[in-house]
């Protein structure tokens, strides 16, 4: 699976080498990391990716992606799937950005790209969640087209669904989106 390119971002599929460097906190010679990247969520996701690769192989395209700015390649966060689709066609997503990149619509833009990818790969449902007090993340998911799907004492759940058997290829010419 290649990179996912949006109007302002490149979602770079994580490799084992990328994940190992991220966990070690050492970028490769060509990488540019924004201040605060990687954070503990990025490291957690990279460790989960490495465990998955060791246990069952590379989950691509349902793996992790480094979110980079198109203009200069600086990594500003991460996004990805918690694993391949289950037997019902459901996948779960997660994402995060460094503080300096928040509030510019980058997370919603990245999430829309992941939703298009999931649909193109045959997923029928994408789930996500955010703590009750993480209103910004609630806005990210709704801006990307997900809708509230319940809550418990800790988190609010969001999802998007498509009928089984329908796929949409990733948009080769995405348009800039606010949000």
N, C-alpha and C. Protein backbone atom coordinates (compact mmCIF):
# COMPACT_ATOMS: atom_id res chain seq x y z
N UNK A 1 0.85 -1.18 0.00
CA UNK A 1 0.00 0.00 0.00
C UNK A 1 0.88 1.23 0.00
N UNK A 2 0.57 2.14 -0.86
CA UNK A 2 1.35 3.37 -0.94
C UNK A 2 0.85 4.43 0.02
N UNK A 3 1.46 5.58 -0.10
CA UNK A 3 1.07 6.71 0.73
C UNK A 3 -0.31 7.21 0.33
N UNK A 4 -1.03 7.72 1.32
CA UNK A 4 -2.31 8.37 1.07
C UNK A 4 -2.04 9.87 1.03
N UNK A 5 -2.39 10.50 -0.07
CA UNK A 5 -2.10 11.92 -0.23
C UNK A 5 -3.41 12.69 -0.25
N UNK A 6 -3.49 13.72 0.58
CA UNK A 6 -4.65 14.60 0.62
C UNK A 6 -4.20 15.99 0.18
N UNK A 7 -5.08 16.95 0.29
CA UNK A 7 -4.76 18.31 -0.14
C UNK A 7 -3.53 18.87 0.58
N UNK A 8 -3.40 18.59 1.89
CA UNK A 8 -2.30 19.17 2.67
C UNK A 8 -1.41 18.16 3.35
N UNK A 9 -1.76 16.89 3.27
CA UNK A 9 -1.07 15.86 4.05
C UNK A 9 -0.62 14.69 3.21
N UNK A 10 0.34 13.96 3.76
CA UNK A 10 0.73 12.65 3.26
C UNK A 10 0.63 11.71 4.45
N UNK A 11 -0.16 10.65 4.30
CA UNK A 11 -0.22 9.61 5.32
C UNK A 11 0.72 8.51 4.86
N UNK A 12 1.85 8.43 5.55
CA UNK A 12 2.91 7.50 5.18
C UNK A 12 2.71 6.18 5.93
N UNK A 13 2.51 5.04 5.20
CA UNK A 13 2.32 3.78 5.90
C UNK A 13 3.57 3.39 6.68
N UNK A 14 3.38 3.06 7.93
CA UNK A 14 4.49 2.73 8.81
C UNK A 14 5.09 1.38 8.44
N UNK A 15 6.41 1.35 8.42
CA UNK A 15 7.13 0.10 8.22
C UNK A 15 7.66 -0.36 9.58
N UNK A 16 8.19 -1.56 9.62
CA UNK A 16 8.79 -2.05 10.87
C UNK A 16 9.94 -1.12 11.28
N UNK A 17 10.77 -0.73 10.33
CA UNK A 17 11.88 0.18 10.63
C UNK A 17 11.40 1.52 11.16
N UNK A 18 10.33 2.07 10.54
CA UNK A 18 9.75 3.33 11.02
C UNK A 18 9.28 3.18 12.46
N UNK A 19 8.57 2.08 12.74
CA UNK A 19 8.03 1.86 14.08
C UNK A 19 9.16 1.69 15.11
N UNK A 20 10.20 0.97 14.74
CA UNK A 20 11.33 0.78 15.67
C UNK A 20 12.00 2.12 15.98
N UNK A 21 12.19 2.96 14.96
CA UNK A 21 12.79 4.27 15.19
C UNK A 21 11.89 5.16 16.03
N UNK A 22 10.59 5.08 15.78
CA UNK A 22 9.65 5.88 16.55
C UNK A 22 9.68 5.48 18.02
N UNK A 23 9.66 4.19 18.29
CA UNK A 23 9.72 3.70 19.68
C UNK A 23 11.02 4.14 20.35
N UNK A 24 12.12 4.12 19.59
CA UNK A 24 13.42 4.53 20.13
C UNK A 24 13.54 6.05 20.23
N UNK A 25 12.64 6.77 19.56
CA UNK A 25 12.71 8.23 19.60
C UNK A 25 13.80 8.81 18.72
N UNK A 26 14.18 8.07 17.68
CA UNK A 26 15.28 8.49 16.81
C UNK A 26 14.79 8.48 15.36
N UNK A 27 14.61 9.67 14.75
CA UNK A 27 14.19 9.68 13.35
C UNK A 27 15.31 9.19 12.44
N UNK A 28 14.92 8.67 11.27
CA UNK A 28 15.98 8.30 10.32
C UNK A 28 16.57 9.58 9.74
N UNK A 29 17.59 9.46 8.96
CA UNK A 29 18.32 10.62 8.47
C UNK A 29 17.50 11.60 7.67
N UNK A 30 16.45 11.14 7.00
CA UNK A 30 15.64 12.02 6.16
C UNK A 30 14.39 12.55 6.86
N UNK A 31 14.04 11.98 7.99
CA UNK A 31 12.78 12.33 8.64
C UNK A 31 12.88 13.67 9.35
N UNK A 32 11.75 14.38 9.31
CA UNK A 32 11.61 15.63 10.06
C UNK A 32 10.44 15.44 11.01
N UNK A 33 10.67 15.64 12.28
CA UNK A 33 9.62 15.50 13.28
C UNK A 33 9.30 16.85 13.89
N UNK A 34 8.02 17.18 13.97
CA UNK A 34 7.60 18.40 14.66
C UNK A 34 7.88 18.25 16.15
N UNK A 35 8.06 19.38 16.82
CA UNK A 35 8.26 19.36 18.27
C UNK A 35 7.10 18.61 18.93
N UNK A 36 7.42 17.68 19.81
CA UNK A 36 6.41 16.89 20.51
C UNK A 36 6.07 15.57 19.84
N UNK A 37 6.65 15.32 18.68
CA UNK A 37 6.41 14.05 17.99
C UNK A 37 7.64 13.17 18.14
N UNK A 38 7.48 11.91 18.44
CA UNK A 38 6.24 11.21 18.76
C UNK A 38 5.84 11.43 20.22
N UNK A 39 4.53 11.34 20.49
CA UNK A 39 4.09 11.39 21.88
C UNK A 39 3.80 9.97 22.35
N UNK A 40 3.32 9.84 23.57
CA UNK A 40 3.12 8.49 24.12
C UNK A 40 2.08 7.69 23.33
N UNK A 41 1.08 8.35 22.76
CA UNK A 41 0.10 7.64 21.93
C UNK A 41 0.73 7.09 20.66
N UNK A 42 1.65 7.87 20.06
CA UNK A 42 2.34 7.40 18.86
C UNK A 42 3.22 6.19 19.18
N UNK A 43 3.90 6.26 20.31
CA UNK A 43 4.77 5.16 20.72
C UNK A 43 3.94 3.91 21.02
N UNK A 44 2.81 4.08 21.71
CA UNK A 44 1.92 2.96 22.00
C UNK A 44 1.46 2.31 20.70
N UNK A 45 1.02 3.13 19.73
CA UNK A 45 0.55 2.60 18.44
C UNK A 45 1.68 1.89 17.69
N UNK A 46 2.89 2.43 17.74
CA UNK A 46 4.02 1.79 17.07
C UNK A 46 4.34 0.45 17.72
N UNK A 47 4.27 0.37 19.04
CA UNK A 47 4.51 -0.91 19.73
C UNK A 47 3.45 -1.94 19.35
N UNK A 48 2.18 -1.50 19.29
CA UNK A 48 1.09 -2.41 18.90
C UNK A 48 1.33 -2.90 17.47
N UNK A 49 1.75 -2.00 16.58
CA UNK A 49 2.05 -2.36 15.20
C UNK A 49 3.17 -3.40 15.15
N UNK A 50 4.24 -3.20 15.93
CA UNK A 50 5.35 -4.16 15.95
C UNK A 50 4.90 -5.52 16.47
N UNK A 51 4.05 -5.54 17.51
CA UNK A 51 3.52 -6.80 18.03
C UNK A 51 2.68 -7.51 16.97
N UNK A 52 1.84 -6.75 16.28
CA UNK A 52 1.01 -7.33 15.23
C UNK A 52 1.87 -7.93 14.13
N UNK A 53 2.89 -7.18 13.71
CA UNK A 53 3.79 -7.69 12.66
C UNK A 53 4.47 -8.98 13.11
N UNK A 54 4.89 -9.04 14.37
CA UNK A 54 5.57 -10.23 14.88
C UNK A 54 4.60 -11.41 15.00
N UNK A 55 3.35 -11.12 15.39
CA UNK A 55 2.38 -12.20 15.63
C UNK A 55 1.72 -12.70 14.36
N UNK A 56 1.28 -11.78 13.48
CA UNK A 56 0.48 -12.19 12.34
C UNK A 56 0.94 -11.58 11.01
N UNK A 57 1.98 -10.78 11.03
CA UNK A 57 2.46 -10.13 9.80
C UNK A 57 1.96 -8.71 9.68
N UNK A 58 2.46 -8.02 8.70
CA UNK A 58 2.10 -6.62 8.47
C UNK A 58 0.60 -6.52 8.19
N UNK A 59 -0.12 -5.67 8.94
CA UNK A 59 -1.57 -5.56 8.75
C UNK A 59 -1.98 -4.65 7.59
N UNK A 60 -0.99 -4.08 6.88
CA UNK A 60 -1.29 -3.13 5.82
C UNK A 60 -2.35 -3.64 4.88
N UNK A 61 -3.26 -2.82 4.44
CA UNK A 61 -3.36 -1.38 4.63
C UNK A 61 -4.00 -0.96 5.95
N UNK A 62 -4.37 -1.93 6.79
CA UNK A 62 -5.02 -1.60 8.06
C UNK A 62 -4.00 -1.45 9.19
N UNK A 63 -2.94 -0.75 8.90
CA UNK A 63 -1.89 -0.50 9.88
C UNK A 63 -1.85 0.94 10.32
N UNK A 64 -0.66 1.38 10.69
CA UNK A 64 -0.45 2.75 11.17
C UNK A 64 0.11 3.62 10.07
N UNK A 65 -0.17 4.90 10.16
CA UNK A 65 0.31 5.89 9.20
C UNK A 65 0.87 7.08 9.96
N UNK A 66 2.00 7.56 9.48
CA UNK A 66 2.55 8.79 10.03
C UNK A 66 1.93 9.94 9.24
N UNK A 67 1.40 10.94 9.93
CA UNK A 67 0.80 12.09 9.27
C UNK A 67 1.90 13.12 9.04
N UNK A 68 2.13 13.44 7.77
CA UNK A 68 3.17 14.40 7.40
C UNK A 68 2.55 15.54 6.61
N UNK A 69 3.14 16.72 6.77
CA UNK A 69 2.72 17.86 5.96
C UNK A 69 3.23 17.68 4.54
N UNK A 70 2.38 17.91 3.56
CA UNK A 70 2.80 17.78 2.16
C UNK A 70 3.88 18.80 1.80
N UNK A 71 3.77 19.99 2.37
CA UNK A 71 4.67 21.07 1.97
C UNK A 71 6.13 20.80 2.30
N UNK A 72 6.42 20.11 3.41
CA UNK A 72 7.83 19.90 3.76
C UNK A 72 8.13 18.52 4.35
N UNK A 73 7.12 17.65 4.47
CA UNK A 73 7.34 16.30 4.96
C UNK A 73 7.47 16.16 6.47
N UNK A 74 7.24 17.23 7.22
CA UNK A 74 7.35 17.15 8.67
C UNK A 74 6.25 16.27 9.25
N UNK A 75 6.64 15.31 10.08
CA UNK A 75 5.67 14.44 10.77
C UNK A 75 5.02 15.24 11.89
N UNK A 76 3.68 15.28 11.88
CA UNK A 76 2.94 16.04 12.88
C UNK A 76 2.05 15.16 13.74
N UNK A 77 2.05 13.86 13.48
CA UNK A 77 1.21 12.96 14.27
C UNK A 77 1.08 11.61 13.60
N UNK A 78 0.13 10.86 14.10
CA UNK A 78 -0.10 9.53 13.58
C UNK A 78 -1.59 9.23 13.51
N UNK A 79 -1.93 8.29 12.65
CA UNK A 79 -3.31 7.83 12.51
C UNK A 79 -3.26 6.40 12.01
N UNK A 80 -4.31 5.68 12.24
CA UNK A 80 -4.32 4.33 11.72
C UNK A 80 -5.40 3.48 12.31
N UNK A 81 -5.31 2.23 11.94
CA UNK A 81 -6.28 1.23 12.34
C UNK A 81 -5.72 0.38 13.47
N UNK A 82 -6.60 -0.12 14.30
CA UNK A 82 -6.18 -0.99 15.40
C UNK A 82 -6.02 -2.42 14.95
N UNK A 83 -6.16 -2.66 13.66
CA UNK A 83 -6.00 -3.99 13.09
C UNK A 83 -6.90 -4.16 11.90
N UNK A 84 -6.81 -5.30 11.22
CA UNK A 84 -7.65 -5.53 10.05
C UNK A 84 -9.12 -5.64 10.43
N UNK A 85 -9.97 -5.61 9.42
CA UNK A 85 -11.41 -5.74 9.63
C UNK A 85 -11.73 -7.09 10.26
N UNK A 86 -12.68 -7.07 11.17
CA UNK A 86 -13.11 -8.33 11.80
C UNK A 86 -14.11 -9.03 10.87
N UNK A 87 -14.70 -10.09 11.34
CA UNK A 87 -15.61 -10.89 10.53
C UNK A 87 -16.85 -10.15 10.08
N UNK A 88 -17.18 -9.05 10.73
CA UNK A 88 -18.34 -8.26 10.33
C UNK A 88 -17.96 -7.09 9.42
N UNK A 89 -16.66 -6.96 9.12
CA UNK A 89 -16.19 -5.85 8.28
C UNK A 89 -15.90 -4.57 9.05
N UNK A 90 -15.77 -4.70 10.37
CA UNK A 90 -15.56 -3.53 11.24
C UNK A 90 -14.09 -3.32 11.53
N UNK A 91 -13.66 -2.07 11.44
CA UNK A 91 -12.32 -1.66 11.85
C UNK A 91 -12.45 -0.51 12.84
N UNK A 92 -11.41 -0.35 13.66
CA UNK A 92 -11.37 0.74 14.62
C UNK A 92 -10.19 1.63 14.28
N UNK A 93 -10.39 2.94 14.40
CA UNK A 93 -9.35 3.91 14.07
C UNK A 93 -8.91 4.69 15.30
N UNK A 94 -7.75 5.29 15.17
CA UNK A 94 -7.24 6.22 16.17
C UNK A 94 -6.35 7.23 15.48
N UNK A 95 -6.11 8.36 16.11
CA UNK A 95 -5.30 9.41 15.52
C UNK A 95 -4.85 10.37 16.61
N UNK A 96 -3.84 11.14 16.31
CA UNK A 96 -3.38 12.17 17.22
C UNK A 96 -2.41 13.09 16.51
N UNK A 97 -2.39 14.34 16.93
CA UNK A 97 -1.51 15.34 16.37
C UNK A 97 -0.72 16.02 17.48
N UNK A 98 0.45 16.54 17.13
CA UNK A 98 1.21 17.36 18.08
C UNK A 98 0.39 18.62 18.34
N UNK A 99 0.53 19.22 19.53
CA UNK A 99 -0.27 20.41 19.86
C UNK A 99 -0.18 21.53 18.83
N UNK A 100 0.99 21.77 18.26
CA UNK A 100 1.13 22.88 17.31
C UNK A 100 0.36 22.67 16.01
N UNK A 101 -0.05 21.43 15.71
CA UNK A 101 -0.78 21.13 14.48
C UNK A 101 -2.28 21.05 14.68
N UNK A 102 -2.73 21.15 15.91
CA UNK A 102 -4.16 21.02 16.20
C UNK A 102 -4.91 22.29 15.82
N UNK A 103 -6.19 22.13 15.51
CA UNK A 103 -7.04 23.27 15.21
C UNK A 103 -6.99 23.74 13.77
N UNK A 104 -6.29 23.01 12.91
CA UNK A 104 -6.16 23.41 11.50
C UNK A 104 -6.90 22.47 10.56
N UNK A 105 -7.65 21.52 11.09
CA UNK A 105 -8.39 20.58 10.26
C UNK A 105 -7.57 19.40 9.76
N UNK A 106 -6.32 19.29 10.20
CA UNK A 106 -5.47 18.18 9.73
C UNK A 106 -6.00 16.82 10.18
N UNK A 107 -6.48 16.72 11.41
CA UNK A 107 -6.96 15.42 11.90
C UNK A 107 -8.18 14.96 11.11
N UNK A 108 -9.11 15.86 10.84
CA UNK A 108 -10.29 15.49 10.05
C UNK A 108 -9.89 15.11 8.62
N UNK A 109 -8.93 15.82 8.06
CA UNK A 109 -8.45 15.51 6.71
C UNK A 109 -7.82 14.12 6.67
N UNK A 110 -7.00 13.81 7.67
CA UNK A 110 -6.37 12.50 7.74
C UNK A 110 -7.42 11.41 7.95
N UNK A 111 -8.37 11.67 8.83
CA UNK A 111 -9.41 10.69 9.11
C UNK A 111 -10.27 10.43 7.88
N UNK A 112 -10.60 11.46 7.12
CA UNK A 112 -11.37 11.24 5.88
C UNK A 112 -10.59 10.31 4.92
N UNK A 113 -9.29 10.50 4.84
CA UNK A 113 -8.48 9.63 3.98
C UNK A 113 -8.53 8.18 4.47
N UNK A 114 -8.47 7.98 5.77
CA UNK A 114 -8.55 6.62 6.32
C UNK A 114 -9.93 6.01 6.08
N UNK A 115 -10.98 6.82 6.18
CA UNK A 115 -12.32 6.31 5.92
C UNK A 115 -12.47 5.89 4.46
N UNK A 116 -11.94 6.69 3.53
CA UNK A 116 -11.98 6.31 2.11
C UNK A 116 -11.22 5.01 1.89
N UNK A 117 -10.04 4.90 2.52
CA UNK A 117 -9.25 3.68 2.38
C UNK A 117 -10.01 2.47 2.93
N UNK A 118 -10.58 2.60 4.12
CA UNK A 118 -11.32 1.49 4.72
C UNK A 118 -12.45 1.03 3.81
N UNK A 119 -13.18 1.99 3.26
CA UNK A 119 -14.29 1.63 2.38
C UNK A 119 -13.77 0.96 1.11
N UNK A 120 -12.70 1.50 0.54
CA UNK A 120 -12.13 0.91 -0.67
C UNK A 120 -11.62 -0.51 -0.43
N UNK A 121 -11.23 -0.80 0.82
CA UNK A 121 -10.73 -2.13 1.16
C UNK A 121 -11.83 -3.08 1.63
N UNK A 122 -13.09 -2.64 1.54
CA UNK A 122 -14.21 -3.51 1.84
C UNK A 122 -14.75 -3.44 3.26
N UNK A 123 -14.22 -2.56 4.10
CA UNK A 123 -14.78 -2.41 5.45
C UNK A 123 -16.21 -1.91 5.33
N UNK A 124 -17.07 -2.37 6.24
CA UNK A 124 -18.46 -1.93 6.25
C UNK A 124 -18.77 -1.00 7.41
N UNK A 125 -17.82 -0.93 8.36
CA UNK A 125 -18.05 -0.08 9.53
C UNK A 125 -16.69 0.35 10.09
N UNK A 126 -16.59 1.64 10.43
CA UNK A 126 -15.39 2.17 11.08
C UNK A 126 -15.83 2.79 12.40
N UNK A 127 -15.15 2.39 13.47
CA UNK A 127 -15.47 2.88 14.81
C UNK A 127 -14.32 3.70 15.35
N UNK A 128 -14.65 4.63 16.22
CA UNK A 128 -13.67 5.42 16.96
C UNK A 128 -14.30 5.86 18.26
N UNK A 129 -13.49 6.35 19.16
CA UNK A 129 -14.03 6.86 20.41
C UNK A 129 -13.12 7.95 20.96
N UNK A 130 -13.67 8.73 21.86
CA UNK A 130 -12.91 9.79 22.52
C UNK A 130 -13.49 10.02 23.91
N UNK A 131 -12.62 10.37 24.84
CA UNK A 131 -13.07 10.70 26.18
C UNK A 131 -14.15 11.78 26.12
N UNK A 132 -15.05 11.78 27.09
CA UNK A 132 -16.15 12.76 27.12
C UNK A 132 -15.65 14.20 27.04
N UNK A 133 -14.54 14.48 27.70
CA UNK A 133 -14.05 15.87 27.72
C UNK A 133 -13.19 16.23 26.51
N UNK A 134 -12.98 15.30 25.60
CA UNK A 134 -12.19 15.58 24.40
C UNK A 134 -13.11 16.05 23.27
N UNK A 135 -13.68 17.23 23.47
CA UNK A 135 -14.64 17.78 22.51
C UNK A 135 -14.01 17.98 21.14
N UNK A 136 -12.73 18.35 21.11
CA UNK A 136 -12.05 18.55 19.82
C UNK A 136 -12.08 17.26 19.00
N UNK A 137 -11.83 16.12 19.63
CA UNK A 137 -11.85 14.85 18.91
C UNK A 137 -13.26 14.49 18.46
N UNK A 138 -14.26 14.85 19.26
CA UNK A 138 -15.65 14.63 18.83
C UNK A 138 -15.90 15.41 17.53
N UNK A 139 -15.41 16.65 17.48
CA UNK A 139 -15.57 17.48 16.28
C UNK A 139 -14.82 16.89 15.09
N UNK A 140 -13.62 16.34 15.34
CA UNK A 140 -12.83 15.72 14.26
C UNK A 140 -13.64 14.60 13.62
N UNK A 141 -14.18 13.72 14.44
CA UNK A 141 -14.90 12.58 13.89
C UNK A 141 -16.17 12.99 13.17
N UNK A 142 -16.92 13.95 13.71
CA UNK A 142 -18.13 14.38 13.01
C UNK A 142 -17.78 15.14 11.73
N UNK A 143 -16.70 15.92 11.74
CA UNK A 143 -16.27 16.64 10.53
C UNK A 143 -15.85 15.67 9.44
N UNK A 144 -15.36 14.50 9.83
CA UNK A 144 -14.94 13.49 8.86
C UNK A 144 -16.11 12.63 8.38
N UNK A 145 -17.29 12.84 8.95
CA UNK A 145 -18.47 12.11 8.50
C UNK A 145 -18.93 10.99 9.42
N UNK A 146 -18.27 10.84 10.58
CA UNK A 146 -18.71 9.83 11.53
C UNK A 146 -19.84 10.41 12.38
N UNK A 147 -20.65 9.55 12.95
CA UNK A 147 -21.75 10.03 13.78
C UNK A 147 -21.69 9.38 15.16
N UNK A 148 -22.25 10.06 16.16
CA UNK A 148 -22.27 9.48 17.51
C UNK A 148 -22.98 8.14 17.50
N UNK A 149 -22.43 7.19 18.28
CA UNK A 149 -22.99 5.83 18.30
C UNK A 149 -23.11 5.30 19.72
N UNK A 150 -23.20 6.19 20.70
CA UNK A 150 -23.36 5.76 22.07
C UNK A 150 -22.24 6.28 22.96
N UNK A 151 -22.33 5.90 24.22
CA UNK A 151 -21.31 6.31 25.18
C UNK A 151 -21.37 5.41 26.39
N UNK A 152 -20.30 5.43 27.14
CA UNK A 152 -20.29 4.77 28.44
C UNK A 152 -19.79 5.79 29.45
N UNK A 153 -19.41 5.34 30.62
CA UNK A 153 -18.99 6.28 31.66
C UNK A 153 -17.68 7.00 31.33
N UNK A 154 -16.90 6.48 30.40
CA UNK A 154 -15.59 7.05 30.08
C UNK A 154 -15.51 7.74 28.73
N UNK A 155 -16.13 7.14 27.69
CA UNK A 155 -15.96 7.64 26.33
C UNK A 155 -17.27 7.77 25.58
N UNK A 156 -17.19 8.57 24.51
CA UNK A 156 -18.27 8.68 23.54
C UNK A 156 -17.81 7.95 22.28
N UNK A 157 -18.70 7.13 21.70
CA UNK A 157 -18.37 6.32 20.53
C UNK A 157 -18.92 6.97 19.26
N UNK A 158 -18.17 6.80 18.18
CA UNK A 158 -18.55 7.31 16.87
C UNK A 158 -18.38 6.19 15.85
N UNK A 159 -19.11 6.28 14.75
CA UNK A 159 -18.95 5.27 13.70
C UNK A 159 -19.45 5.81 12.37
N UNK A 160 -19.05 5.14 11.34
CA UNK A 160 -19.63 5.33 10.01
C UNK A 160 -19.80 3.94 9.42
N UNK A 161 -20.85 3.77 8.65
CA UNK A 161 -21.13 2.46 8.06
C UNK A 161 -21.46 2.60 6.59
N UNK A 162 -21.23 1.50 5.86
CA UNK A 162 -21.59 1.40 4.45
C UNK A 162 -22.22 0.03 4.25
N UNK A 163 -23.10 -0.07 3.28
CA UNK A 163 -23.67 -1.39 2.98
C UNK A 163 -22.56 -2.35 2.55
N UNK A 164 -22.71 -3.60 2.91
CA UNK A 164 -21.75 -4.62 2.52
C UNK A 164 -21.66 -4.70 1.00
N UNK A 165 -20.43 -4.84 0.51
CA UNK A 165 -20.22 -5.00 -0.91
C UNK A 165 -20.05 -3.70 -1.68
N UNK A 166 -20.15 -2.55 -1.00
CA UNK A 166 -19.94 -1.28 -1.70
C UNK A 166 -18.56 -0.76 -1.36
N UNK A 167 -17.86 -0.35 -2.37
CA UNK A 167 -16.54 0.22 -2.16
C UNK A 167 -16.42 1.51 -2.95
N UNK A 168 -15.61 2.38 -2.46
CA UNK A 168 -15.31 3.63 -3.13
C UNK A 168 -13.80 3.78 -3.15
N UNK A 169 -13.21 3.97 -4.32
CA UNK A 169 -11.76 4.12 -4.36
C UNK A 169 -11.33 5.41 -3.67
N UNK A 170 -10.11 5.45 -3.13
CA UNK A 170 -9.62 6.68 -2.54
C UNK A 170 -9.67 7.80 -3.57
N UNK A 171 -10.01 9.01 -3.14
CA UNK A 171 -10.11 10.17 -4.01
C UNK A 171 -8.74 10.57 -4.50
N UNK A 172 -8.46 10.44 -5.81
CA UNK A 172 -7.12 10.77 -6.31
C UNK A 172 -6.87 12.27 -6.37
N UNK A 173 -7.93 13.07 -6.29
CA UNK A 173 -7.81 14.53 -6.35
C UNK A 173 -8.60 15.16 -5.23
N UNK A 174 -8.18 14.97 -3.97
CA UNK A 174 -8.96 15.51 -2.87
C UNK A 174 -8.98 17.03 -2.90
N UNK A 175 -10.05 17.59 -2.40
CA UNK A 175 -10.18 19.02 -2.31
C UNK A 175 -9.93 19.46 -0.88
N UNK A 176 -9.41 20.65 -0.68
CA UNK A 176 -9.18 21.11 0.69
C UNK A 176 -10.50 21.15 1.46
N UNK A 177 -10.43 20.77 2.72
CA UNK A 177 -11.61 20.76 3.59
C UNK A 177 -11.29 21.58 4.82
N UNK A 178 -12.23 22.31 5.30
CA UNK A 178 -12.06 22.97 6.58
C UNK A 178 -12.43 22.01 7.68
N UNK A 179 -12.25 22.43 8.93
CA UNK A 179 -12.74 21.56 9.99
C UNK A 179 -11.76 21.18 10.96
